[in-house]
C-alpha atoms as a PDB file:
ATOM      1  CA  MET A   1      14.952   3.931 -17.061  1.00  0.00           C
ATOM      2  CA  ILE A   2      13.784   5.161 -13.654  1.00  0.00           C
ATOM      3  CA  ASP A   3      15.737   4.270 -10.536  1.00  0.00           C
ATOM      4  CA  VAL A   4      14.439   2.392  -7.518  1.00  0.00           C
ATOM      5  CA  LYS A   5      13.872   5.566  -5.471  1.00  0.00           C
ATOM      6  CA  GLU A   6      11.508   6.952  -8.099  1.00  0.00           C
ATOM      7  CA  ALA A   7       9.686   3.616  -8.372  1.00  0.00           C
ATOM      8  CA  VAL A   8       9.159   3.549  -4.589  1.00  0.00           C
ATOM      9  CA  SER A   9       8.062   7.177  -4.530  1.00  0.00           C
ATOM     10  CA  ASN A  10       5.534   6.540  -7.314  1.00  0.00           C
ATOM     11  CA  SER A  11       4.211   3.487  -5.464  1.00  0.00           C
ATOM     12  CA  ILE A  12       3.718   5.428  -2.236  1.00  0.00           C
ATOM     13  CA  ALA A  13       1.922   8.213  -4.129  1.00  0.00           C
ATOM     14  CA  ALA A  14      -0.344   5.632  -5.790  1.00  0.00           C
ATOM     15  CA  ALA A  15      -1.159   3.977  -2.451  1.00  0.00           C
ATOM     16  CA  LYS A  16      -2.142   7.347  -0.971  1.00  0.00           C
ATOM     17  CA  GLU A  17      -4.267   8.122  -4.029  1.00  0.00           C
ATOM     18  CA  PHE A  18      -5.955   4.695  -4.114  1.00  0.00           C
ATOM     19  CA  TYR A  19      -6.804   4.896  -0.405  1.00  0.00           C
ATOM     20  CA  ALA A  20      -7.734   8.596  -0.321  1.00  0.00           C
ATOM     21  CA  GLY A  21     -10.308   9.190   2.389  1.00  0.00           C
ATOM     22  CA  THR A  22      -9.092   6.154   4.370  1.00  0.00           C
ATOM     23  CA  ASP A  23      -6.939   6.382   7.468  1.00  0.00           C
ATOM     24  CA  VAL A  24      -3.753   4.845   6.019  1.00  0.00           C
ATOM     25  CA  ARG A  25      -0.971   4.681   8.589  1.00  0.00           C
ATOM     26  CA  ASN A  26       2.767   3.965   8.535  1.00  0.00           C
ATOM     27  CA  ILE A  27       3.445   3.234   4.875  1.00  0.00           C
ATOM     28  CA  MET A  28       6.641   1.179   4.838  1.00  0.00           C
ATOM     29  CA  LEU A  29       8.822  -0.234   2.096  1.00  0.00           C
ATOM     30  CA  GLU A  30       8.984  -4.019   2.455  1.00  0.00           C
ATOM     31  CA  GLU A  31      10.518  -5.412  -0.770  1.00  0.00           C
ATOM     32  CA  VAL A  32      11.947  -4.207  -4.068  1.00  0.00           C
ATOM     33  CA  GLU A  33      12.642  -6.254  -7.194  1.00  0.00           C
ATOM     34  CA  LEU A  34      13.523  -5.343 -10.756  1.00  0.00           C
ATOM     35  CA  ASP A  35      12.006  -7.716 -13.313  1.00  0.00           C
ATOM     36  CA  GLU A  36      14.315  -7.067 -16.252  1.00  0.00           C
ATOM     37  CA  GLY A  37      12.324  -9.354 -18.555  1.00  0.00           C
ATOM     38  CA  GLU A  38       9.111  -7.361 -18.137  1.00  0.00           C
ATOM     39  CA  LYS A  39      10.991  -4.109 -17.475  1.00  0.00           C
ATOM     40  CA  VAL A  40       9.040  -3.369 -14.305  1.00  0.00           C
ATOM     41  CA  TRP A  41       9.831  -2.636 -10.691  1.00  0.00           C
ATOM     42  CA  LEU A  42       7.885  -4.771  -8.203  1.00  0.00           C
ATOM     43  CA  ILE A  43       7.499  -2.682  -5.060  1.00  0.00           C
ATOM     44  CA  THR A  44       5.930  -4.205  -1.942  1.00  0.00           C
ATOM     45  CA  LEU A  45       4.555  -1.726   0.573  1.00  0.00           C
ATOM     46  CA  GLY A  46       3.130  -2.487   3.989  1.00  0.00           C
ATOM     47  CA  PHE A  47       0.715  -0.185   5.797  1.00  0.00           C
ATOM     48  CA  PHE A  48      -2.055  -0.192   8.363  1.00  0.00           C
ATOM     49  CA  LEU A  49      -5.740   0.214   7.485  1.00  0.00           C
ATOM     50  CA  PRO A  50      -8.780   0.232   9.769  1.00  0.00           C
ATOM     51  CA  GLU A  51     -10.018  -3.321  10.306  1.00  0.00           C
ATOM     52  CA  SER A  52     -12.608  -4.347   7.759  1.00  0.00           C
ATOM     53  CA  ARG A  53     -14.629  -6.490  10.154  1.00  0.00           C
ATOM     54  CA  PRO A  54     -18.305  -5.626  10.703  1.00  0.00           C
ATOM     55  CA  ALA A  55     -18.848  -2.971  13.351  1.00  0.00           C
ATOM     56  CA  THR A  56     -20.261  -4.080  16.685  1.00  0.00           C
ATOM     57  CA  GLU A  57     -22.079  -1.941  19.207  1.00  0.00           C
ATOM     58  CA  ILE A  58     -19.010  -1.931  21.450  1.00  0.00           C
ATOM     59  CA  GLY A  59     -16.766  -1.070  18.504  1.00  0.00           C
ATOM     60  CA  GLN A  60     -19.040   1.820  17.582  1.00  0.00           C
ATOM     61  CA  LEU A  61     -18.917   3.095  21.155  1.00  0.00           C
ATOM     62  CA  LEU A  62     -15.112   2.828  21.369  1.00  0.00           C
ATOM     63  CA  ALA A  63     -14.351   4.360  17.956  1.00  0.00           C
ATOM     64  CA  PRO A  64     -14.585   7.983  19.164  1.00  0.00           C
ATOM     65  CA  LEU A  65     -12.225   7.067  22.016  1.00  0.00           C
ATOM     66  CA  GLY A  66      -9.558   5.775  19.670  1.00  0.00           C
ATOM     67  CA  GLY A  67     -10.725   2.174  19.893  1.00  0.00           C
ATOM     68  CA  ILE A  68     -10.451   1.577  16.147  1.00  0.00           C
ATOM     69  CA  LYS A  69      -8.331  -1.467  15.390  1.00  0.00           C
ATOM     70  CA  TYR A  70      -5.905  -1.504  12.493  1.00  0.00           C
ATOM     71  CA  GLU A  71      -4.633  -4.411  10.440  1.00  0.00           C
ATOM     72  CA  LYS A  72      -1.459  -4.540   8.395  1.00  0.00           C
ATOM     73  CA  LYS A  73      -1.871  -4.965   4.660  1.00  0.00           C
ATOM     74  CA  TYR A  74       0.774  -5.681   2.049  1.00  0.00           C
ATOM     75  CA  LYS A  75       0.428  -4.605  -1.583  1.00  0.00           C
ATOM     76  CA  ILE A  76       2.662  -5.183  -4.594  1.00  0.00           C
ATOM     77  CA  PHE A  77       2.892  -2.291  -7.038  1.00  0.00           C
ATOM     78  CA  LYS A  78       4.078  -2.959 -10.578  1.00  0.00           C
ATOM     79  CA  VAL A  79       5.864   0.158 -11.833  1.00  0.00           C
ATOM     80  CA  ASN A  80       6.926   0.529 -15.463  1.00  0.00           C
ATOM     81  CA  ALA A  81      10.729   0.851 -15.369  1.00  0.00           C
ATOM     82  CA  GLU A  82      10.786   2.974 -18.527  1.00  0.00           C
ATOM     83  CA  ASN A  83       8.207   5.671 -17.735  1.00  0.00           C
ATOM     84  CA  GLY A  84       7.576   5.292 -13.974  1.00  0.00           C
ATOM     85  CA  LYS A  85       3.825   4.742 -14.248  1.00  0.00           C
ATOM     86  CA  VAL A  86       2.165   2.430 -11.728  1.00  0.00           C
ATOM     87  CA  GLU A  87       0.574  -0.303 -13.830  1.00  0.00           C
ATOM     88  CA  SER A  88      -1.063  -2.410 -11.133  1.00  0.00           C
ATOM     89  CA  MET A  89      -1.534  -3.085  -7.435  1.00  0.00           C
ATOM     90  CA  LYS A  90      -2.053  -6.604  -6.062  1.00  0.00           C
ATOM     91  CA  ILE A  91      -2.592  -8.088  -2.631  1.00  0.00           C
ATOM     92  CA  ARG A  92       0.587  -9.615  -1.216  1.00  0.00           C
ATOM     93  CA  GLU A  93      -0.287 -12.670   0.854  1.00  0.00           C
ATOM     94  CA  ILE A  94       1.983 -13.462   3.788  1.00  0.00           C
END
């Protein structure tokens, strides 16, 4: 069985892979839980992504000046406790 550090590491790697090409900032560990019944680690990560709201003219003008706004997202990664593979990623509502 993998330990919690490996489960977290695999979750962070998956987040970076899933969001490749996106400006992902400040990936942080939020929660960790071992579900012994399903034999999975449930790893919640928080990170900042560019806001997904429609661009406005002002937003387009400010973007080159660093005016891009970021919003914090939370995702739950289900990591197989036996082999360490990330099985799923879900939105974590706050």
